[in-house]
Amino acid sequence: MTARAIPGGASRLRIEHATGFTYPGEVGASYNEARMLPGSTDSQFVLSSQLDIEPSTSVNYYTDYFGTRVAAFDVLAGHSALDITARSLVEVRPRPIEPVEVRWDRLRRESERAIATVEMLGQSRRTEPHPEVAEIARSIASHHDHPGQAALAIANAVGDAVEYMPGITGVHSTGAEAWVERKGVCQDITHITLGALRSVGIPARYVSGYLHPSAHPEIGVAVTGESHAWVEWFLGEWQGYDPTNGSEIGERHVLVGRGRDYNDVPPLRGVYAGPFKGELHVKVTITREA
């Protein structure tokens, strides 16, 4: 097969995401969904991807309502561990924010035209903003004629106010709870930003994916990577931004899924029959290959 040329400013990333559960005893059947495989978009091209599951089982692949690739599978025999490994090779290009000269009244009209934007204006339990956050967003918006400028300023204000610190919040925490602590992880910072943007009428959606941790990754060196989250806002077109790192979406970001909040894009979701509580394990390895 002829190799594809890498466009200027792009990178080729190999991602291995291993996760699953270990149980203290044998459990019965389990029913699961995995959202761990990226899809091709206008800014990334999936060269290869596969999902390996142990115990081995058949997998049904489909695309969900928000356009995320989903692998649904059952393990019907008793098992004491469940291991899922997603392997992907993705070519990624930067997605810089382009200036959009749209004003608030036009954005309001554009947002009301489609369900895809209307449903990204409503708040969820996770994104409902703390009153302080809503006030900050209103204050910022009032100083900008263009919602694009306001969106960027709001995202940076949230990112500056919340310290990235694992272990303070949990997977079920809300944006309002994280704001009180002024500490959290990318999931929390994204939820806070979504709530702030939506509170001033800017449609915004949750994006899940992977991030290479190095600003200048060395080719051929495997490193411990991260599952990551960022936002996209609508200004007549969708634009992405990473409020946790205060950066545009670049060649280190690999998109996996989109939704209203984390609940729409968890990497692994399932139920099983058994009295035991499983211990979750997660490891992400990313290698830049070009």
Foldseek 3Di string as FASTA:
>chain_A
DDDDDADPQKFKKKKKKKKWWAWPDKFFKKKKKFLADADDDPFKHWPDKDKDKPVDWDWDWDADPQGFIMTITMDGGIDRIIMMMMITIMMGFFFDDDDDPFFDVVLLVLQVPDPVNVVLLDADQQQQEDPVLQVVLVVLSVVDRAVVVSLLVSLQVLLVQAAEDPPPDDPPHHLRVSNVVSYYHQQNSQSPSSNSCSSSPWRKKKWWWWFAPDPDADAPDKDWTDTHMWMWTDDVHIATDRSNVSGGGGNRTGTRGIDSGVVVHPRMDMDTGDDTDIDMDITMMMHTHD
